[in-house]
Protein backbone atom coordinates (compact mmCIF):
# COMPACT_ATOMS: atom_id res chain seq x y z
CA MET A 1 10.86 35.70 -7.53
CA ALA A 2 8.02 37.09 -9.20
CA TYR A 3 8.94 35.93 -12.52
CA ARG A 4 9.12 32.74 -11.54
CA LYS A 5 5.73 32.66 -10.22
CA GLU A 6 4.63 33.81 -13.44
CA THR A 7 5.69 31.29 -15.30
CA TRP A 8 4.81 28.59 -13.22
CA VAL A 9 0.66 30.48 -13.45
CA VAL A 10 1.34 30.67 -17.41
CA ALA A 11 2.21 26.86 -17.58
CA ALA A 12 -0.59 26.46 -15.24
CA LEU A 13 -2.81 28.11 -17.79
CA LEU A 14 -1.40 25.99 -20.68
CA LEU A 15 -1.19 22.83 -18.91
CA PRO A 16 -4.90 21.34 -20.71
CA LEU A 17 -3.48 22.10 -24.01
CA LEU A 18 -0.76 19.74 -23.86
CA THR A 19 -0.67 16.26 -24.15
CA GLY A 20 0.23 14.64 -20.57
CA THR A 21 3.04 12.06 -20.99
CA ALA A 22 1.19 9.15 -19.83
CA ALA A 23 -2.70 8.26 -19.62
CA ALA A 24 -4.65 9.15 -16.45
CA LYS A 25 -4.93 6.09 -14.15
CA PRO A 26 -7.64 5.51 -11.60
CA ALA A 27 -6.62 6.34 -8.09
CA LYS A 28 -7.76 7.20 -4.44
CA CYS A 29 -7.15 10.62 -3.68
CA PHE A 30 -7.44 13.42 -0.93
CA ALA A 31 -7.52 17.25 -0.62
CA THR A 32 -8.18 19.20 2.18
CA ASP A 33 -10.77 20.82 0.78
CA ASP A 34 -12.70 17.95 -0.68
CA GLY A 35 -11.84 14.76 1.55
CA HIS A 36 -11.38 11.43 0.08
CA PHE A 37 -12.47 10.43 -3.16
CA ALA A 38 -11.95 8.66 -6.58
CA CYS A 39 -10.06 10.17 -8.96
CA ASP A 40 -7.57 9.65 -12.11
CA PHE A 41 -3.93 10.67 -11.39
CA GLN A 42 -1.82 11.51 -14.51
CA MET A 43 1.91 12.39 -14.85
CA THR A 44 2.48 15.50 -16.68
CA ASP A 45 6.47 15.64 -17.09
CA ALA A 46 9.68 14.09 -16.16
CA ALA A 47 9.96 16.31 -13.30
CA GLY A 48 7.05 14.30 -11.52
CA SER A 49 4.52 17.40 -12.14
CA PHE A 50 0.82 15.48 -12.09
CA THR A 51 -2.78 16.09 -12.09
CA ILE A 52 -5.72 14.58 -10.10
CA GLU A 53 -8.60 15.25 -11.45
CA GLY A 54 -11.72 14.79 -8.96
CA PRO A 55 -15.67 15.04 -9.15
CA ASP A 56 -15.60 18.33 -8.19
CA ALA A 57 -12.16 19.93 -8.73
CA THR A 58 -8.99 19.45 -10.61
CA TYR A 59 -5.76 19.61 -8.63
CA ILE A 60 -2.15 20.35 -10.47
CA LEU A 61 0.86 20.45 -9.05
CA LEU A 62 4.08 21.51 -10.95
CA ILE A 63 7.52 20.60 -9.56
CA ASP A 64 9.78 23.66 -9.08
CA GLU A 65 12.73 21.32 -7.48
CA PRO A 66 13.02 18.06 -6.45
CA GLY A 67 10.38 17.90 -2.98
CA LYS A 68 8.95 21.19 -3.82
CA ALA A 69 5.90 21.96 -6.40
CA PHE A 70 3.54 24.91 -6.72
CA GLY A 71 -0.32 23.57 -6.96
CA PHE A 72 -3.73 25.07 -8.81
CA VAL A 73 -6.92 23.96 -8.59
CA ASN A 74 -9.68 24.22 -11.55
CA LEU A 75 -13.33 24.36 -10.62
CA GLY A 76 -14.34 24.51 -13.75
CA ASN A 77 -13.03 26.73 -16.17
CA ARG A 78 -9.68 28.22 -15.28
CA ASN A 79 -6.58 27.03 -13.28
CA ILE A 80 -6.50 29.09 -10.08
CA PRO A 81 -2.83 29.07 -8.11
CA LEU A 82 -2.81 28.12 -4.57
CA ALA A 83 -0.78 30.28 -2.20
CA GLY A 84 2.50 29.25 -1.13
CA SER A 85 4.54 25.99 -2.25
CA PHE A 86 4.19 22.43 -1.32
CA LEU A 87 6.55 20.01 0.30
CA ARG A 88 6.27 16.03 -0.55
CA GLU A 89 6.20 14.52 2.75
CA ARG A 90 8.83 12.12 4.03
CA GLY A 91 6.41 9.65 5.92
CA ASP A 92 3.81 9.68 2.62
CA PRO A 93 5.63 10.65 -0.60
CA ALA A 94 2.16 10.26 -2.20
CA CYS A 95 1.15 13.51 -0.36
CA TRP A 96 2.14 17.12 -0.71
CA ALA A 97 1.72 19.71 2.04
CA ASN A 98 1.40 23.41 2.41
CA ALA A 99 2.41 24.34 5.61
CA GLU A 100 1.43 28.03 4.91
CA THR A 101 -2.41 27.22 4.26
CA GLY A 102 -2.50 23.71 5.77
CA THR A 103 -3.47 22.07 2.56
CA ARG A 104 -3.07 18.38 1.95
CA ILE A 105 -3.21 17.06 -1.66
CA SER A 106 -2.77 13.16 -1.88
CA ALA A 107 -3.05 10.44 -4.35
CA TRP A 108 -2.91 6.72 -4.00
């Protein structure tokens, strides 16, 4: 499991260097720490990984398997791994929740 997490950390660090699979689109977003905010949403791979860029932070979710992702936040100059894993919410599939930390990230 440690190897897997290290792989995701490396992927998150390299993500800004790679071109996305689609152009960023304006969206409405929510993050537990930032509340609701206007953002740019960009899919980054065919598995459904994405970034949402807001005025104060960029959130990155990398899909590990269907319905499960690892998260990162960038507050300026580096990607910081978020603890635990995020699960896609069944009631609102635009949202991902981390039961371990109580964190929720959504993009509509």
